[in-house]
Protein backbone atom coordinates (compact mmCIF):
# COMPACT_ATOMS: atom_id res chain seq x y z
CA MET A 1 122.72 116.43 106.58
CA LEU A 2 123.01 115.42 110.23
CA ILE A 3 121.50 112.12 111.39
CA GLN A 4 121.46 111.77 115.20
CA CYS A 5 121.10 108.08 116.00
CA THR A 6 120.11 106.04 119.02
CA LYS A 7 122.75 103.63 120.30
CA LYS A 8 120.71 100.74 118.91
CA LEU A 9 120.86 102.22 115.42
CA LEU A 10 124.56 103.08 115.64
CA ASP A 11 125.34 99.51 116.69
CA GLU A 12 123.30 98.16 113.78
CA LEU A 13 125.05 100.45 111.31
CA LYS A 14 128.47 99.75 112.85
CA ILE A 15 129.22 103.44 112.59
CA LYS A 16 131.36 105.45 114.98
CA PRO A 17 129.49 108.71 115.71
CA VAL A 18 131.20 112.08 115.30
CA GLU A 19 130.71 115.26 117.27
CA PRO A 20 127.77 117.07 115.65
CA PRO A 21 128.53 120.37 113.91
CA THR A 22 127.58 123.38 116.02
CA ASP A 23 126.30 125.45 113.10
CA VAL A 24 123.92 122.93 111.49
CA ASP A 25 120.49 124.25 110.54
CA ARG A 26 117.81 122.18 112.30
CA LEU A 27 115.92 121.88 109.02
CA PHE A 28 118.71 119.60 107.78
CA SER A 29 119.04 117.69 111.03
CA TRP A 30 117.14 114.51 111.91
CA HIS A 31 116.86 112.19 114.91
CA ALA A 32 116.72 108.50 114.00
CA ASN A 33 115.70 105.30 115.74
CA LEU A 34 115.56 101.63 114.76
CA MET A 35 112.51 99.63 115.82
CA LEU A 36 110.95 96.28 114.98
CA ILE A 37 107.54 95.98 113.35
CA GLY A 38 106.51 92.42 112.73
CA ARG A 39 110.13 91.38 113.36
CA LYS A 40 111.23 93.62 110.49
CA LYS A 41 113.73 96.41 111.00
CA THR A 42 112.08 99.81 110.65
CA LEU A 43 113.97 103.11 110.61
CA VAL A 44 112.16 106.26 111.76
CA LEU A 45 113.59 109.69 110.90
CA VAL A 46 112.18 112.78 112.65
CA ASN A 47 113.12 116.29 111.51
CA ASP A 48 114.51 118.42 114.34
CA ARG A 49 112.93 121.65 113.10
CA ASN A 50 109.37 120.59 112.38
CA ARG A 51 108.89 116.93 113.48
CA TYR A 52 108.19 115.72 109.95
CA THR A 53 108.58 111.93 109.98
CA VAL A 54 109.99 109.58 107.32
CA VAL A 55 109.75 105.78 107.62
CA LEU A 56 111.94 103.06 106.06
CA PHE A 57 110.64 99.51 106.44
CA CYS A 58 112.06 95.99 106.23
CA LEU A 59 115.72 96.99 106.09
CA LYS A 60 118.16 94.19 105.38
CA ALA A 61 121.93 93.94 105.83
CA LYS A 62 122.61 95.18 102.29
CA ASP A 63 120.38 98.20 102.93
CA MET A 64 122.32 99.08 106.08
CA LYS A 65 125.53 99.16 104.05
CA ASN A 66 123.96 101.71 101.72
CA ILE A 67 122.03 103.61 104.37
CA GLN A 68 123.35 107.09 103.53
CA GLN A 69 122.08 107.01 99.97
CA LEU A 70 118.92 105.21 101.03
CA MET A 71 118.07 107.94 103.53
CA ARG A 72 118.64 110.63 100.90
CA ASP A 73 116.45 108.81 98.38
CA VAL A 74 113.62 108.20 100.83
CA ILE A 75 113.56 111.80 102.12
CA ARG A 76 113.59 113.06 98.53
CA GLU A 77 110.80 110.73 97.36
CA THR A 78 108.62 111.50 100.37
CA LEU A 79 108.90 115.26 99.90
CA GLN A 80 108.25 114.84 96.19
CA ALA A 81 105.10 112.90 97.10
CA GLU A 82 104.02 115.97 99.09
CA GLY A 83 104.06 117.85 95.79
CA ILE A 84 107.27 119.79 96.52
CA GLN A 85 109.39 120.38 93.44
CA ASP A 86 112.99 119.14 93.23
CA GLU A 87 114.50 122.62 93.18
CA PHE A 88 113.17 123.27 96.70
CA ILE A 89 114.29 119.89 98.05
CA GLU A 90 117.91 120.06 96.84
CA PRO A 91 119.24 121.99 99.91
CA PHE A 92 118.68 118.80 101.96
CA PHE A 93 121.34 117.00 99.95
CA ARG A 94 124.09 119.57 99.39
CA ASN A 95 126.23 118.27 102.24
CA GLU A 96 127.35 114.77 103.11
CA VAL A 97 125.48 112.67 105.65
CA VAL A 98 127.03 112.86 109.12
CA PHE A 99 126.09 110.47 111.94
CA SER A 100 126.18 111.47 115.59
CA LYS A 101 124.53 110.47 118.87
CA THR A 102 121.09 111.71 119.89
CA GLN A 103 121.15 114.96 121.82
CA GLY A 104 118.59 116.84 123.88
CA ARG A 105 115.65 115.39 125.78
CA THR A 106 113.18 117.34 123.71
CA PHE A 107 114.36 115.87 120.42
CA VAL A 108 114.52 112.35 121.83
CA ALA A 109 110.99 112.69 123.23
CA ARG A 110 109.72 113.86 119.83
CA MET A 111 111.43 110.91 118.15
CA ASN A 112 109.94 108.46 120.64
CA LYS A 113 106.46 109.89 120.06
CA ALA A 114 106.88 109.56 116.31
CA CYS A 115 107.91 105.91 116.78
CA GLU A 116 104.76 105.32 118.83
CA ASN A 117 102.66 106.81 116.03
CA VAL A 118 104.41 104.68 113.40
CA TYR A 119 103.75 101.56 115.45
CA TYR A 120 100.11 102.54 116.01
CA PHE A 121 99.46 103.05 112.28
CA GLN A 122 101.46 100.06 111.10
CA GLU A 123 98.41 98.79 109.19
CA ASP A 124 99.34 101.43 106.59
CA ILE A 125 102.64 99.67 105.86
CA GLN A 126 103.10 98.52 102.28
CA GLU A 127 105.08 95.31 102.54
CA GLU A 128 106.68 95.48 99.10
CA THR A 129 108.60 98.72 99.54
CA ILE A 130 111.24 100.23 101.84
CA ASN A 131 109.97 103.79 101.49
CA GLN A 132 106.69 104.01 103.40
CA ILE A 133 105.46 107.23 101.83
CA GLU A 134 101.80 106.95 102.84
CA LEU A 135 102.65 106.02 106.43
CA SER A 136 105.16 108.90 106.60
CA LYS A 137 102.57 111.34 105.33
CA ARG A 138 99.93 110.08 107.74
CA VAL A 139 102.16 110.33 110.82
CA SER A 140 103.35 113.77 109.70
CA ARG A 141 99.75 114.99 109.66
CA LEU A 142 99.08 114.20 113.30
CA TYR A 143 98.88 117.22 115.57
CA ALA A 144 101.98 117.64 117.74
CA GLY A 145 102.20 119.74 120.90
CA GLU A 146 104.59 122.70 120.95
CA GLU A 147 105.05 125.78 123.14
CA LYS A 148 103.08 127.78 120.58
CA GLY A 149 100.25 125.24 120.66
CA TYR A 150 99.51 122.29 118.42
CA VAL A 151 101.11 122.14 114.99
CA GLU A 152 100.93 119.85 111.98
CA PRO A 153 104.45 118.69 111.07
CA ASN A 154 103.72 118.56 107.34
CA GLU A 155 102.49 122.17 107.35
CA GLU A 156 105.54 123.21 109.36
CA MET A 157 107.81 121.46 106.86
CA TYR A 158 106.16 123.38 103.98
CA LYS A 159 106.73 126.68 105.82
CA ASP A 160 110.34 125.84 106.68
CA ILE A 161 111.25 124.86 103.12
CA ALA A 162 109.51 127.97 101.76
CA ALA A 163 111.36 130.20 104.25
CA TRP A 164 114.72 128.60 103.37
CA ASN A 165 114.11 129.12 99.64
CA GLY A 166 112.58 132.56 100.09
CA GLN A 167 109.53 131.83 97.93
CA PRO A 168 106.35 129.74 97.82
CA ILE A 169 107.08 126.10 97.09
CA PHE A 170 103.82 124.93 95.52
CA HIS A 171 103.21 125.78 91.88
CA THR A 172 101.18 123.24 89.98
CA GLU A 173 98.39 122.99 87.43
CA ALA A 174 94.97 122.14 88.77
CA VAL A 175 91.39 121.78 87.61
CA GLN A 176 88.12 122.92 89.14
CA LEU A 177 85.52 120.18 88.82
CA LYS A 178 81.78 120.31 89.32
CA ILE A 179 80.62 116.89 90.52
CA THR A 180 76.86 116.32 90.49
CA LEU A 181 75.09 113.29 91.92
CA GLN A 182 72.45 112.28 89.38
CA LEU A 183 69.08 112.36 91.15
CA GLU A 184 65.69 113.25 89.74
CA LYS A 185 64.29 115.18 92.72
CA HIS A 186 67.35 116.47 94.57
CA HIS A 187 70.27 118.71 93.63
CA ILE A 188 73.46 117.44 95.28
CA CYS A 189 76.80 118.67 93.97
CA ARG A 190 80.31 119.62 95.01
CA ARG A 191 82.92 121.86 93.45
CA VAL A 192 86.50 120.79 94.09
CA ILE A 193 89.93 121.90 92.91
CA VAL A 194 92.36 119.04 92.31
CA PRO A 195 95.99 119.14 91.04
CA ILE A 196 96.04 117.48 87.64
CA HIS A 197 98.99 115.24 88.55
CA LYS A 198 96.71 113.34 90.94
CA THR A 199 95.52 109.91 89.83
CA PHE A 200 91.90 108.88 89.34
CA SER A 201 92.29 106.68 92.42
CA GLN A 202 93.14 109.84 94.35
CA LEU A 203 90.18 111.63 92.76
CA HIS A 204 88.01 108.77 94.03
CA THR A 205 89.20 109.57 97.56
CA VAL A 206 88.47 113.27 97.03
CA ILE A 207 84.93 112.48 95.87
CA GLN A 208 84.33 110.11 98.78
CA THR A 209 85.47 112.83 101.18
CA ALA A 210 83.58 115.69 99.54
CA PHE A 211 80.30 113.74 99.47
CA ASN A 212 80.86 112.06 102.84
CA TRP A 213 80.58 108.61 101.33
CA GLN A 214 82.03 105.87 103.53
CA ASN A 215 84.12 104.07 100.86
CA GLU A 216 82.41 100.75 101.61
CA HIS A 217 81.70 99.73 98.00
CA LEU A 218 83.36 99.38 94.62
CA HIS A 219 83.63 102.23 92.16
CA GLU A 220 84.66 103.01 88.59
CA PHE A 221 85.12 105.95 86.24
CA TYR A 222 84.01 106.39 82.64
CA ILE A 223 85.72 108.95 80.42
CA LEU A 224 83.24 110.39 77.93
CA ASN A 225 83.65 111.93 74.48
CA LEU A 226 81.78 115.00 73.23
CA ALA A 227 78.81 112.82 72.32
CA GLY A 228 78.67 111.43 75.87
CA LYS A 229 79.91 107.98 74.85
CA PRO A 230 82.49 106.14 77.03
CA ILE A 231 86.01 106.06 75.58
CA ALA A 232 87.73 104.57 78.65
CA ASN A 233 86.76 102.69 81.80
CA LEU A 234 88.97 103.18 84.87
CA VAL A 235 88.51 100.54 87.57
CA ALA A 236 89.72 99.89 91.10
CA THR A 237 90.34 96.12 91.06
CA GLU A 238 92.05 93.62 88.80
CA GLU A 239 88.94 91.44 88.96
CA ALA A 240 87.06 94.04 86.90
CA PHE A 241 89.07 93.10 83.81
CA ALA A 242 87.12 89.84 83.61
CA TYR A 243 84.09 91.92 82.63
CA ALA A 244 85.87 94.27 80.20
CA ARG A 245 84.14 95.20 76.97
CA ASP A 246 86.31 95.11 73.86
CA GLU A 247 85.06 98.47 72.59
CA ILE A 248 85.97 100.36 75.79
CA PRO A 249 89.62 100.27 76.95
CA MET A 250 89.92 99.40 80.65
CA LYS A 251 92.71 100.62 82.95
CA MET A 252 93.44 100.67 86.67
CA ASP A 253 92.46 104.07 88.07
CA LYS A 254 95.62 104.19 90.21
CA ASP A 255 97.74 104.16 87.05
CA VAL A 256 96.06 107.08 85.26
CA LYS A 257 96.52 110.78 86.04
CA LEU A 258 93.78 113.36 85.59
CA SER A 259 95.94 115.23 83.08
CA GLU A 260 95.66 112.32 80.64
CA TYR A 261 91.94 112.87 80.03
CA LEU A 262 91.23 116.51 80.76
CA PRO A 263 89.07 118.35 79.80
CA ASN A 264 86.74 115.41 79.03
CA LYS A 265 83.47 115.02 80.85
CA MET A 266 83.47 111.99 83.17
CA LEU A 267 81.14 109.69 85.05
CA TYR A 268 81.96 108.28 88.49
CA VAL A 269 79.86 105.33 89.66
CA TYR A 270 79.92 104.31 93.32
CA ASP A 271 78.23 101.24 94.83
CA PHE A 272 77.16 98.97 92.00
CA GLY A 273 74.04 97.98 94.01
CA ASP A 274 72.60 101.42 94.76
CA GLU A 275 74.46 102.71 91.66
CA TRP A 276 75.17 106.30 92.58
CA LYS A 277 76.20 108.09 89.37
CA HIS A 278 78.20 111.32 89.60
CA VAL A 279 78.69 113.52 86.54
CA ILE A 280 82.09 115.26 86.57
CA GLU A 281 82.48 118.44 84.51
CA VAL A 282 85.55 120.64 84.05
CA GLU A 283 84.73 124.23 84.98
CA GLU A 284 88.17 125.83 84.96
CA MET A 285 91.83 125.00 84.37
CA ILE A 286 94.14 126.67 86.89
CA ASN A 287 97.73 127.25 85.75
CA ASP A 288 99.31 128.21 89.09
CA TYR A 289 97.72 126.41 92.01
CA ALA A 290 99.58 127.17 95.24
CA ASN A 291 98.13 124.42 97.41
CA PRO A 292 99.53 120.90 97.92
CA CYS A 293 96.12 119.30 98.45
CA PRO A 294 92.67 119.35 96.86
CA ILE A 295 90.06 121.71 98.29
CA CYS A 296 86.28 121.91 98.18
CA VAL A 297 85.13 125.40 97.19
CA ASP A 298 81.37 124.92 97.18
CA GLY A 299 78.60 122.39 97.57
CA GLU A 300 74.85 121.86 97.82
CA GLY A 301 72.71 119.13 99.31
CA ASN A 302 73.27 116.23 101.67
CA THR A 303 74.57 112.91 100.37
CA PRO A 304 72.23 109.89 100.74
CA PRO A 305 73.12 107.36 103.46
CA GLU A 306 75.11 104.31 102.47
CA ASP A 307 72.96 101.27 101.57
CA VAL A 308 69.72 103.26 101.55
CA GLY A 309 68.51 101.36 98.49
CA GLY A 310 69.31 103.68 95.60
CA GLU A 311 67.23 106.67 94.57
CA GLY A 312 63.94 105.01 95.49
CA GLY A 313 65.17 104.12 98.96
CA PHE A 314 66.49 107.66 99.41
CA GLU A 315 63.10 109.10 98.51
CA TYR A 316 61.43 106.98 101.18
CA PHE A 317 64.16 107.89 103.68
CA MET A 318 63.57 111.60 103.06
CA GLU A 319 59.80 111.13 103.28
CA VAL A 320 60.13 109.55 106.74
CA LEU A 321 62.54 112.24 107.99
CA ALA A 322 60.15 114.96 106.86
CA ASN A 323 57.47 113.65 109.26
CA LYS A 324 58.48 113.40 112.93
CA ASN A 325 55.18 111.64 113.63
CA HIS A 326 56.01 108.83 111.23
CA PRO A 327 56.24 105.49 113.12
CA GLU A 328 59.68 104.85 111.58
CA TYR A 329 61.08 108.33 112.20
CA GLU A 330 63.26 107.57 115.25
CA HIS A 331 64.65 104.39 113.74
CA MET A 332 65.30 105.98 110.35
CA TYR A 333 66.93 109.04 111.88
CA SER A 334 69.31 106.94 114.00
CA TRP A 335 70.05 104.59 111.13
CA GLY A 336 70.80 107.49 108.79
CA ARG A 337 73.28 108.98 111.24
CA SER A 338 75.00 105.61 111.63
CA GLN A 339 75.33 105.44 107.84
CA GLY A 340 77.00 108.84 107.62
CA TYR A 341 73.98 110.96 106.69
CA GLU A 342 74.67 114.52 107.85
CA SER A 343 74.54 118.09 106.60
CA PHE A 344 77.19 119.22 104.13
CA ASN A 345 79.95 121.11 105.94
CA ARG A 346 82.59 122.58 103.61
CA ASP A 347 85.04 123.41 106.40
CA GLN A 348 84.87 119.86 107.70
CA VAL A 349 85.38 118.48 104.20
CA ASN A 350 88.47 120.63 103.70
CA ARG A 351 89.93 119.56 107.04
CA MET A 352 89.56 115.96 105.88
CA LEU A 353 90.96 116.71 102.42
CA LYS A 354 94.11 118.12 104.02
CA ASN A 355 94.73 114.79 105.71
CA ILE A 356 93.90 112.23 103.03
């Protein structure tokens, strides 16, 4: 694996660069720069073939001494987090790490742009870890200009790894869920396919995206038995444990995978004031899902605006919108739009699901 470093990084590593091999495949070649974020040393790696970006944060002297293995580990963990299996990642690590100088204006410009993006999205940094997986994934999902038009580095990385291995790289189990918002007078539902290795915290994000909720309130899940009684309560905050009931085990939703409770029926509650209840039913188990991200396959109805006042408030909202002569129509229409009320658009939902 070839790492082409800026002078600043080479000086920090105290490494004498070698002449880069002439036959290296660009898929296994990276440009690297060292930058400061909040006075903490941050290493940015940008793949030469596809511009996929990997970020290492808060590097200390001891980390610099072990940088070769650290780079390998972080690249591996980030690609694993993309859902790529180990067998397809191994080619990245067959050869030793070689350090050379940066080369080529194009590659340096790409690296500099990636560093700008990392700096811009530094609010995503997780202080307690070196490997910034979520930040890496976010930056790698930003459109990048190429001669052939705009590309998404993560999608290009998937294609490149698949081409190198000569076969599709995503094979996972998934579940198709029907999620229905419980309302007396309106039918609002979404059908989504989600890999079963995702956590309930990630399912929360999928539901928020599919229903166009704004993620402004607390949420929780209930796992139900065949009689419809709760057998587990999955929550989003540690504070929730102060209100735990002895008869229902409580866990953090980020620590529980979907596979642990399938095919149980579930209840997702969002906004404990308006109390929007969503019934989640398993429609189909999929043994060979060839997609790294969840998708929305169907849906009906428009989600109520945030803070509309529960089902009663939504009924009044809909009553006003149905009458353009109503004295509150203009205000209610504008307010609804500001609260995210809009028509269901499956293509838009799937574009957002690709990037969460």
